[in-house]
């Protein structure tokens, strides 16, 4: 991981199914952009759940204590 300005940059590898590839192609969207869109939508949906927000806050608190 590295920082790019104020943002933390992480490279990940994702195995993409043929269905996802076809759907991206049907929308004339690059596969990586389509997968990013799906991830964003999923995170947006999850962030509306109080349980998820609580878990994220606990993870952030743990990371904050590790960095000190």
Protein backbone atom coordinates (compact mmCIF):
# COMPACT_ATOMS: atom_id res chain seq x y z
CA UNK A 1 0.00 0.00 0.00
CA UNK A 2 1.08 3.55 -0.62
CA UNK A 3 -0.31 7.03 -0.33
CA UNK A 4 -1.27 9.17 -3.29
CA UNK A 5 -1.85 12.58 -1.76
CA UNK A 6 -4.42 12.06 0.97
CA UNK A 7 -5.55 8.70 -0.40
CA UNK A 8 -4.29 5.25 0.50
CA UNK A 9 -3.74 3.21 -2.66
CA UNK A 10 -4.01 -0.57 -2.61
CA UNK A 11 -3.71 -2.96 -5.53
CA UNK A 12 -5.93 -6.03 -5.45
CA UNK A 13 -6.54 -8.94 -7.79
CA UNK A 14 -10.09 -10.06 -8.45
CA UNK A 15 -11.26 -13.12 -10.38
CA UNK A 16 -14.13 -11.92 -12.59
CA UNK A 17 -16.80 -14.31 -13.83
CA UNK A 18 -17.80 -14.56 -17.48
CA UNK A 19 -21.20 -13.12 -16.56
CA UNK A 20 -19.60 -9.95 -15.17
CA UNK A 21 -17.39 -9.65 -18.26
CA UNK A 22 -20.41 -9.98 -20.57
CA UNK A 23 -22.39 -7.44 -18.57
CA UNK A 24 -19.52 -4.93 -18.73
CA UNK A 25 -19.21 -5.49 -22.47
CA UNK A 26 -22.97 -5.09 -22.93
CA UNK A 27 -22.69 -1.69 -21.24
CA UNK A 28 -19.61 -0.73 -23.29
CA UNK A 29 -17.72 -0.27 -20.03
CA UNK A 30 -14.17 -1.36 -19.27
CA UNK A 31 -14.17 -4.40 -16.98
CA UNK A 32 -12.09 -2.70 -14.28
CA UNK A 33 -14.44 0.31 -14.24
CA UNK A 34 -17.48 -1.96 -14.09
CA UNK A 35 -16.04 -3.93 -11.16
CA UNK A 36 -15.20 -0.67 -9.34
CA UNK A 37 -18.81 0.44 -9.87
CA UNK A 38 -20.10 -2.84 -8.41
CA UNK A 39 -17.82 -2.49 -5.39
CA UNK A 40 -18.93 1.12 -4.85
CA UNK A 41 -22.59 0.13 -5.05
CA UNK A 42 -22.05 -2.72 -2.61
CA UNK A 43 -20.23 -0.50 -0.12
CA UNK A 44 -22.91 2.17 -0.41
CA UNK A 45 -25.60 -0.41 0.31
CA UNK A 46 -23.68 -1.84 3.26
CA UNK A 47 -22.85 1.56 4.74
CA UNK A 48 -26.56 2.17 5.22
CA UNK A 49 -26.67 -0.69 7.74
CA UNK A 50 -25.93 0.30 11.36
CA UNK A 51 -24.22 -3.04 12.07
CA UNK A 52 -21.79 -2.50 9.20
CA UNK A 53 -21.01 1.05 10.32
CA UNK A 54 -20.34 -0.20 13.83
CA UNK A 55 -17.94 -2.87 12.54
CA UNK A 56 -16.08 -0.34 10.39
CA UNK A 57 -15.69 1.98 13.38
CA UNK A 58 -14.22 -0.88 15.43
CA UNK A 59 -11.77 -1.70 12.64
CA UNK A 60 -10.73 1.96 12.36
CA UNK A 61 -10.19 2.12 16.10
CA UNK A 62 -8.00 -0.98 15.98
CA UNK A 63 -5.93 0.44 13.12
CA UNK A 64 -5.54 3.75 14.95
CA UNK A 65 -4.11 2.01 18.01
CA UNK A 66 -1.78 -0.13 15.86
CA UNK A 67 -0.30 2.94 14.16
CA UNK A 68 0.59 4.68 17.42
